[in-house]
């Protein structure tokens, strides 16, 4: 799997450009689930990473690393002012910085 060859920072960085692209294509606003679906459709590496389920060695619980990386990419884009969202709300909106 391609994403397993990347370190954590590069995994997040890989997701940033497609997130911005799908938001721009949609007119600047989408729900998180729509962003996830659209970036998975655009890139087979992302689609494969999004589907892979891991099991915690400590708790035995299953999780997707993609969820953590995707949310961190959104946080980074929010931090630099490229998008806005409210915590625990699904709607993500590009800011004027990116729309210009």
C-alpha atoms as a PDB file:
ATOM      1  CA  UNK A   1       0.000   0.000   0.000  1.00  0.00           C
ATOM      2  CA  UNK A   2       1.362   3.382  -1.035  1.00  0.00           C
ATOM      3  CA  UNK A   3       0.317   5.320   2.083  1.00  0.00           C
ATOM      4  CA  UNK A   4       2.109   2.877   4.363  1.00  0.00           C
ATOM      5  CA  UNK A   5       5.392   3.965   2.747  1.00  0.00           C
ATOM      6  CA  UNK A   6       4.820   7.607   3.757  1.00  0.00           C
ATOM      7  CA  UNK A   7       5.442   9.059   7.187  1.00  0.00           C
ATOM      8  CA  UNK A   8       2.559  10.660   9.052  1.00  0.00           C
ATOM      9  CA  UNK A   9       3.336  14.212   7.917  1.00  0.00           C
ATOM     10  CA  UNK A  10       3.529  13.197   4.250  1.00  0.00           C
ATOM     11  CA  UNK A  11       0.226  11.314   4.527  1.00  0.00           C
ATOM     12  CA  UNK A  12      -1.486  14.493   5.723  1.00  0.00           C
ATOM     13  CA  UNK A  13       0.256  16.592   3.069  1.00  0.00           C
ATOM     14  CA  UNK A  14      -0.847  14.183   0.340  1.00  0.00           C
ATOM     15  CA  UNK A  15      -4.499  14.774   1.278  1.00  0.00           C
ATOM     16  CA  UNK A  16      -4.390  18.581   1.298  1.00  0.00           C
ATOM     17  CA  UNK A  17      -4.361  19.292  -2.453  1.00  0.00           C
ATOM     18  CA  UNK A  18      -7.259  16.935  -3.325  1.00  0.00           C
ATOM     19  CA  UNK A  19      -9.329  18.375  -0.464  1.00  0.00           C
ATOM     20  CA  UNK A  20      -8.895  21.892  -1.834  1.00  0.00           C
ATOM     21  CA  UNK A  21      -9.571  20.712  -5.403  1.00  0.00           C
ATOM     22  CA  UNK A  22     -12.871  18.990  -4.623  1.00  0.00           C
ATOM     23  CA  UNK A  23     -14.050  21.965  -2.581  1.00  0.00           C
ATOM     24  CA  UNK A  24     -13.213  24.326  -5.449  1.00  0.00           C
ATOM     25  CA  UNK A  25     -15.012  22.065  -7.951  1.00  0.00           C
ATOM     26  CA  UNK A  26     -18.082  22.063  -5.701  1.00  0.00           C
ATOM     27  CA  UNK A  27     -18.217  25.828  -5.415  1.00  0.00           C
ATOM     28  CA  UNK A  28     -16.405  26.089  -2.099  1.00  0.00           C
ATOM     29  CA  UNK A  29     -18.622  24.119   0.276  1.00  0.00           C
ATOM     30  CA  UNK A  30     -19.175  20.417   1.017  1.00  0.00           C
ATOM     31  CA  UNK A  31     -19.882  18.146   3.925  1.00  0.00           C
ATOM     32  CA  UNK A  32     -16.958  16.130   5.278  1.00  0.00           C
ATOM     33  CA  UNK A  33     -18.410  12.864   4.016  1.00  0.00           C
ATOM     34  CA  UNK A  34     -18.738  14.288   0.504  1.00  0.00           C
ATOM     35  CA  UNK A  35     -15.132  15.465   0.575  1.00  0.00           C
ATOM     36  CA  UNK A  36     -13.992  11.992   1.637  1.00  0.00           C
ATOM     37  CA  UNK A  37     -15.989  10.338  -1.143  1.00  0.00           C
ATOM     38  CA  UNK A  38     -14.789  12.736  -3.828  1.00  0.00           C
ATOM     39  CA  UNK A  39     -11.102  12.584  -2.956  1.00  0.00           C
ATOM     40  CA  UNK A  40     -11.323   8.791  -2.910  1.00  0.00           C
ATOM     41  CA  UNK A  41     -12.863   8.866  -6.394  1.00  0.00           C
ATOM     42  CA  UNK A  42     -10.066  11.147  -7.665  1.00  0.00           C
ATOM     43  CA  UNK A  43      -7.112   9.108  -6.403  1.00  0.00           C
ATOM     44  CA  UNK A  44      -6.719   5.347  -6.135  1.00  0.00           C
ATOM     45  CA  UNK A  45      -4.062   5.669  -3.405  1.00  0.00           C
ATOM     46  CA  UNK A  46      -6.470   7.667  -1.265  1.00  0.00           C
ATOM     47  CA  UNK A  47      -9.287   5.203  -1.984  1.00  0.00           C
ATOM     48  CA  UNK A  48      -7.130   2.294  -0.886  1.00  0.00           C
ATOM     49  CA  UNK A  49      -5.965   4.119   2.257  1.00  0.00           C
ATOM     50  CA  UNK A  50      -9.523   5.181   3.125  1.00  0.00           C
ATOM     51  CA  UNK A  51     -10.743   1.568   3.048  1.00  0.00           C
ATOM     52  CA  UNK A  52      -7.919  -0.031   5.033  1.00  0.00           C
ATOM     53  CA  UNK A  53      -8.859  -1.023   8.582  1.00  0.00           C
ATOM     54  CA  UNK A  54      -6.214  -1.442  11.265  1.00  0.00           C
ATOM     55  CA  UNK A  55      -6.488  -3.192  14.634  1.00  0.00           C
ATOM     56  CA  UNK A  56      -5.073  -1.656  17.796  1.00  0.00           C
ATOM     57  CA  UNK A  57      -2.536  -3.939  19.425  1.00  0.00           C
ATOM     58  CA  UNK A  58      -3.478  -2.631  22.879  1.00  0.00           C
ATOM     59  CA  UNK A  59      -7.282  -2.584  22.821  1.00  0.00           C
ATOM     60  CA  UNK A  60      -8.068  -4.825  19.858  1.00  0.00           C
ATOM     61  CA  UNK A  61     -10.392  -2.126  18.486  1.00  0.00           C
ATOM     62  CA  UNK A  62     -10.505  -1.512  14.767  1.00  0.00           C
ATOM     63  CA  UNK A  63      -9.923   1.916  13.273  1.00  0.00           C
ATOM     64  CA  UNK A  64      -8.993   3.671  10.043  1.00  0.00           C
ATOM     65  CA  UNK A  65      -5.782   5.703  10.021  1.00  0.00           C
ATOM     66  CA  UNK A  66      -7.312   7.642   7.161  1.00  0.00           C
ATOM     67  CA  UNK A  67      -9.837   9.208   9.555  1.00  0.00           C
ATOM     68  CA  UNK A  68      -7.061  10.682  11.694  1.00  0.00           C
ATOM     69  CA  UNK A  69      -5.036  11.926   8.707  1.00  0.00           C
ATOM     70  CA  UNK A  70      -8.103  13.399   6.970  1.00  0.00           C
ATOM     71  CA  UNK A  71      -9.196  15.286  10.087  1.00  0.00           C
ATOM     72  CA  UNK A  72      -5.667  16.537  10.684  1.00  0.00           C
ATOM     73  CA  UNK A  73      -5.459  17.795   7.068  1.00  0.00           C
ATOM     74  CA  UNK A  74      -8.693  19.734   7.613  1.00  0.00           C
ATOM     75  CA  UNK A  75      -7.300  21.185  10.853  1.00  0.00           C
ATOM     76  CA  UNK A  76      -4.118  22.306   9.090  1.00  0.00           C
ATOM     77  CA  UNK A  77      -6.100  23.947   6.287  1.00  0.00           C
ATOM     78  CA  UNK A  78      -8.279  25.665   8.884  1.00  0.00           C
ATOM     79  CA  UNK A  79      -5.216  26.826  10.823  1.00  0.00           C
ATOM     80  CA  UNK A  80      -3.667  28.517   7.762  1.00  0.00           C
ATOM     81  CA  UNK A  81      -6.999  30.106   6.908  1.00  0.00           C
ATOM     82  CA  UNK A  82      -7.814  28.138   3.740  1.00  0.00           C
ATOM     83  CA  UNK A  83     -11.067  26.708   5.041  1.00  0.00           C
ATOM     84  CA  UNK A  84     -13.576  27.056   7.846  1.00  0.00           C
ATOM     85  CA  UNK A  85     -15.701  24.575   9.746  1.00  0.00           C
ATOM     86  CA  UNK A  86     -17.330  24.313  13.108  1.00  0.00           C
ATOM     87  CA  UNK A  87     -16.229  21.545  15.413  1.00  0.00           C
ATOM     88  CA  UNK A  88     -18.613  18.563  15.236  1.00  0.00           C
ATOM     89  CA  UNK A  89     -20.475  20.051  12.234  1.00  0.00           C
ATOM     90  CA  UNK A  90     -20.166  18.381   8.838  1.00  0.00           C
ATOM     91  CA  UNK A  91     -20.009  21.474   6.602  1.00  0.00           C
ATOM     92  CA  UNK A  92     -16.592  22.634   5.368  1.00  0.00           C
ATOM     93  CA  UNK A  93     -16.204  25.934   3.484  1.00  0.00           C
ATOM     94  CA  UNK A  94     -13.251  27.367   1.567  1.00  0.00           C
ATOM     95  CA  UNK A  95     -12.223  30.874   2.556  1.00  0.00           C
ATOM     96  CA  UNK A  96     -11.607  33.837   0.274  1.00  0.00           C
ATOM     97  CA  UNK A  97      -7.865  33.063   0.378  1.00  0.00           C
ATOM     98  CA  UNK A  98      -8.419  29.965  -1.742  1.00  0.00           C
ATOM     99  CA  UNK A  99     -11.347  31.131  -3.848  1.00  0.00           C
ATOM    100  CA  UNK A 100      -9.419  34.080  -5.328  1.00  0.00           C
END
